[in-house]
Amino acid sequence: MSLRLIKNLFVFAGLYDGILGLVFIFAPAAVFQYFDVTPPNHWAYIQFSALLLILFAAMFFKIASDPVRYRE
C-alpha cells in the first residue's frame, strides 16, 4: 500500500468516527427517532460510546499525520 493511500484511509476513518461521535453527542434522540429505534434506558450509554468515537477520530488523525512514525 502506498503512503498516500494509508493517509487517506486514516483521514476517512477519522472523519467517519468524528462525525458519528458528534451526531450522537448533540442529537442522539433524533437519530433514534429517524430510524424508529427504541432509545436506551439512559443516554449515558450513547454519550460514552460517542466520546469513544471522538477519541478514535483524534487517534486516526494523529496516525494520518505521520503513518510511518505511528505504525504500531
N, C-alpha and C. Protein backbone atom coordinates (compact mmCIF):
# COMPACT_ATOMS: atom_id res chain seq x y z
N MET A 1 0.84 -1.18 0.00
CA MET A 1 0.00 0.00 0.00
C MET A 1 0.88 1.24 0.00
N SER A 2 0.46 2.21 -0.74
CA SER A 2 1.22 3.45 -0.79
C SER A 2 0.95 4.30 0.45
N LEU A 3 1.89 5.16 0.76
CA LEU A 3 1.77 6.02 1.92
C LEU A 3 0.57 6.96 1.79
N ARG A 4 0.33 7.43 0.58
CA ARG A 4 -0.81 8.33 0.35
C ARG A 4 -2.14 7.63 0.61
N LEU A 5 -2.24 6.38 0.16
CA LEU A 5 -3.47 5.61 0.39
C LEU A 5 -3.69 5.38 1.88
N ILE A 6 -2.63 5.09 2.61
CA ILE A 6 -2.74 4.87 4.04
C ILE A 6 -3.19 6.15 4.74
N LYS A 7 -2.60 7.28 4.37
CA LYS A 7 -3.01 8.56 4.96
C LYS A 7 -4.48 8.84 4.69
N ASN A 8 -4.89 8.64 3.44
CA ASN A 8 -6.29 8.90 3.07
C ASN A 8 -7.24 7.97 3.82
N LEU A 9 -6.84 6.73 4.02
CA LEU A 9 -7.67 5.78 4.76
C LEU A 9 -7.88 6.24 6.20
N PHE A 10 -6.80 6.70 6.85
CA PHE A 10 -6.93 7.14 8.23
C PHE A 10 -7.67 8.47 8.34
N VAL A 11 -7.53 9.35 7.36
CA VAL A 11 -8.31 10.59 7.37
C VAL A 11 -9.79 10.26 7.22
N PHE A 12 -10.12 9.36 6.31
CA PHE A 12 -11.51 8.95 6.13
C PHE A 12 -12.07 8.33 7.41
N ALA A 13 -11.30 7.44 8.04
CA ALA A 13 -11.74 6.81 9.28
C ALA A 13 -11.94 7.85 10.37
N GLY A 14 -11.05 8.85 10.44
CA GLY A 14 -11.19 9.91 11.43
C GLY A 14 -12.43 10.75 11.20
N LEU A 15 -12.68 11.10 9.95
CA LEU A 15 -13.88 11.87 9.64
C LEU A 15 -15.14 11.08 9.96
N TYR A 16 -15.15 9.82 9.58
CA TYR A 16 -16.32 8.96 9.82
C TYR A 16 -16.62 8.86 11.32
N ASP A 17 -15.60 8.51 12.09
CA ASP A 17 -15.81 8.37 13.53
C ASP A 17 -16.14 9.70 14.19
N GLY A 18 -15.47 10.77 13.76
CA GLY A 18 -15.72 12.08 14.35
C GLY A 18 -17.12 12.58 14.10
N ILE A 19 -17.58 12.43 12.88
CA ILE A 19 -18.93 12.89 12.54
C ILE A 19 -19.98 12.07 13.29
N LEU A 20 -19.81 10.75 13.32
CA LEU A 20 -20.75 9.91 14.07
C LEU A 20 -20.75 10.27 15.55
N GLY A 21 -19.57 10.47 16.10
CA GLY A 21 -19.47 10.82 17.52
C GLY A 21 -20.17 12.13 17.82
N LEU A 22 -19.95 13.14 16.98
CA LEU A 22 -20.58 14.44 17.20
C LEU A 22 -22.10 14.37 17.06
N VAL A 23 -22.56 13.59 16.09
CA VAL A 23 -24.01 13.44 15.91
C VAL A 23 -24.63 12.80 17.14
N PHE A 24 -23.97 11.77 17.67
CA PHE A 24 -24.54 11.08 18.83
C PHE A 24 -24.32 11.83 20.14
N ILE A 25 -23.44 12.83 20.14
CA ILE A 25 -23.32 13.69 21.33
C ILE A 25 -24.41 14.75 21.33
N PHE A 26 -24.64 15.37 20.16
CA PHE A 26 -25.53 16.53 20.11
C PHE A 26 -26.98 16.22 19.72
N ALA A 27 -27.22 15.11 19.03
CA ALA A 27 -28.60 14.81 18.61
C ALA A 27 -28.91 13.32 18.63
N PRO A 28 -28.67 12.65 19.74
CA PRO A 28 -28.91 11.21 19.73
C PRO A 28 -30.39 10.84 19.60
N ALA A 29 -31.25 11.63 20.21
CA ALA A 29 -32.69 11.31 20.14
C ALA A 29 -33.20 11.40 18.71
N ALA A 30 -32.71 12.36 17.95
CA ALA A 30 -33.14 12.50 16.56
C ALA A 30 -32.73 11.29 15.72
N VAL A 31 -31.57 10.75 15.98
CA VAL A 31 -31.10 9.58 15.24
C VAL A 31 -31.98 8.37 15.56
N PHE A 32 -32.24 8.16 16.83
CA PHE A 32 -33.09 7.03 17.21
C PHE A 32 -34.50 7.19 16.65
N GLN A 33 -35.01 8.40 16.68
CA GLN A 33 -36.36 8.64 16.14
C GLN A 33 -36.39 8.45 14.63
N TYR A 34 -35.36 8.92 13.93
CA TYR A 34 -35.32 8.80 12.47
C TYR A 34 -35.34 7.33 12.03
N PHE A 35 -34.58 6.50 12.73
CA PHE A 35 -34.52 5.08 12.37
C PHE A 35 -35.55 4.23 13.10
N ASP A 36 -36.43 4.88 13.86
CA ASP A 36 -37.51 4.20 14.57
C ASP A 36 -36.98 3.08 15.47
N VAL A 37 -36.00 3.46 16.28
CA VAL A 37 -35.38 2.53 17.22
C VAL A 37 -35.67 3.03 18.64
N THR A 38 -35.97 2.11 19.52
CA THR A 38 -36.21 2.46 20.91
C THR A 38 -34.89 2.88 21.55
N PRO A 39 -34.84 4.06 22.15
CA PRO A 39 -33.59 4.50 22.78
C PRO A 39 -33.30 3.71 24.05
N PRO A 40 -32.05 3.73 24.48
CA PRO A 40 -31.71 3.00 25.71
C PRO A 40 -32.35 3.65 26.93
N ASN A 41 -32.30 2.96 28.05
CA ASN A 41 -32.94 3.50 29.25
C ASN A 41 -32.16 4.65 29.87
N HIS A 42 -30.92 4.88 29.44
CA HIS A 42 -30.14 6.00 29.94
C HIS A 42 -29.23 6.50 28.82
N TRP A 43 -29.21 7.83 28.61
CA TRP A 43 -28.45 8.40 27.50
C TRP A 43 -26.93 8.34 27.70
N ALA A 44 -26.50 8.02 28.91
CA ALA A 44 -25.05 7.93 29.16
C ALA A 44 -24.42 6.80 28.35
N TYR A 45 -25.18 5.75 28.05
CA TYR A 45 -24.65 4.68 27.21
C TYR A 45 -24.26 5.21 25.83
N ILE A 46 -25.09 6.06 25.30
CA ILE A 46 -24.84 6.63 23.98
C ILE A 46 -23.73 7.68 24.06
N GLN A 47 -23.75 8.51 25.07
CA GLN A 47 -22.75 9.56 25.20
C GLN A 47 -21.35 8.98 25.39
N PHE A 48 -21.21 7.93 26.17
CA PHE A 48 -19.92 7.31 26.38
C PHE A 48 -19.38 6.74 25.07
N SER A 49 -20.23 6.05 24.33
CA SER A 49 -19.82 5.50 23.04
C SER A 49 -19.45 6.62 22.06
N ALA A 50 -20.19 7.70 22.09
CA ALA A 50 -19.90 8.83 21.21
C ALA A 50 -18.56 9.46 21.55
N LEU A 51 -18.26 9.58 22.83
CA LEU A 51 -16.96 10.12 23.23
C LEU A 51 -15.82 9.21 22.80
N LEU A 52 -16.03 7.90 22.86
CA LEU A 52 -15.02 6.98 22.37
C LEU A 52 -14.80 7.14 20.86
N LEU A 53 -15.87 7.35 20.12
CA LEU A 53 -15.74 7.58 18.68
C LEU A 53 -14.93 8.85 18.41
N ILE A 54 -15.17 9.89 19.18
CA ILE A 54 -14.41 11.14 19.00
C ILE A 54 -12.94 10.92 19.36
N LEU A 55 -12.68 10.14 20.39
CA LEU A 55 -11.31 9.82 20.75
C LEU A 55 -10.62 9.02 19.65
N PHE A 56 -11.31 8.04 19.09
CA PHE A 56 -10.75 7.27 17.98
C PHE A 56 -10.47 8.17 16.78
N ALA A 57 -11.36 9.13 16.53
CA ALA A 57 -11.15 10.06 15.42
C ALA A 57 -9.86 10.84 15.62
N ALA A 58 -9.63 11.31 16.83
CA ALA A 58 -8.39 12.05 17.12
C ALA A 58 -7.17 11.16 16.90
N MET A 59 -7.26 9.90 17.31
CA MET A 59 -6.15 8.98 17.10
C MET A 59 -5.92 8.71 15.62
N PHE A 60 -6.98 8.54 14.86
CA PHE A 60 -6.85 8.31 13.42
C PHE A 60 -6.21 9.52 12.73
N PHE A 61 -6.60 10.72 13.12
CA PHE A 61 -5.99 11.92 12.53
C PHE A 61 -4.51 12.01 12.90
N LYS A 62 -4.17 11.62 14.10
CA LYS A 62 -2.76 11.63 14.52
C LYS A 62 -1.96 10.63 13.68
N ILE A 63 -2.50 9.45 13.46
CA ILE A 63 -1.84 8.45 12.63
C ILE A 63 -1.71 8.96 11.20
N ALA A 64 -2.74 9.60 10.68
CA ALA A 64 -2.71 10.10 9.31
C ALA A 64 -1.65 11.18 9.13
N SER A 65 -1.30 11.88 10.20
CA SER A 65 -0.30 12.93 10.07
C SER A 65 1.08 12.36 9.78
N ASP A 66 1.39 11.15 10.28
CA ASP A 66 2.68 10.52 10.02
C ASP A 66 2.54 9.00 10.23
N PRO A 67 2.04 8.28 9.22
CA PRO A 67 1.77 6.84 9.39
C PRO A 67 3.02 6.01 9.69
N VAL A 68 4.15 6.44 9.18
CA VAL A 68 5.37 5.68 9.43
C VAL A 68 5.77 5.78 10.89
N ARG A 69 5.69 6.95 11.45
CA ARG A 69 6.06 7.15 12.85
C ARG A 69 5.11 6.42 13.80
N TYR A 70 3.81 6.40 13.47
CA TYR A 70 2.81 5.80 14.35
C TYR A 70 2.33 4.44 13.83
N ARG A 71 3.21 3.65 13.28
CA ARG A 71 2.81 2.39 12.67
C ARG A 71 2.41 1.33 13.67
N GLU A 72 2.75 1.49 14.93
CA GLU A 72 2.35 0.50 15.93
C GLU A 72 0.86 0.50 16.08
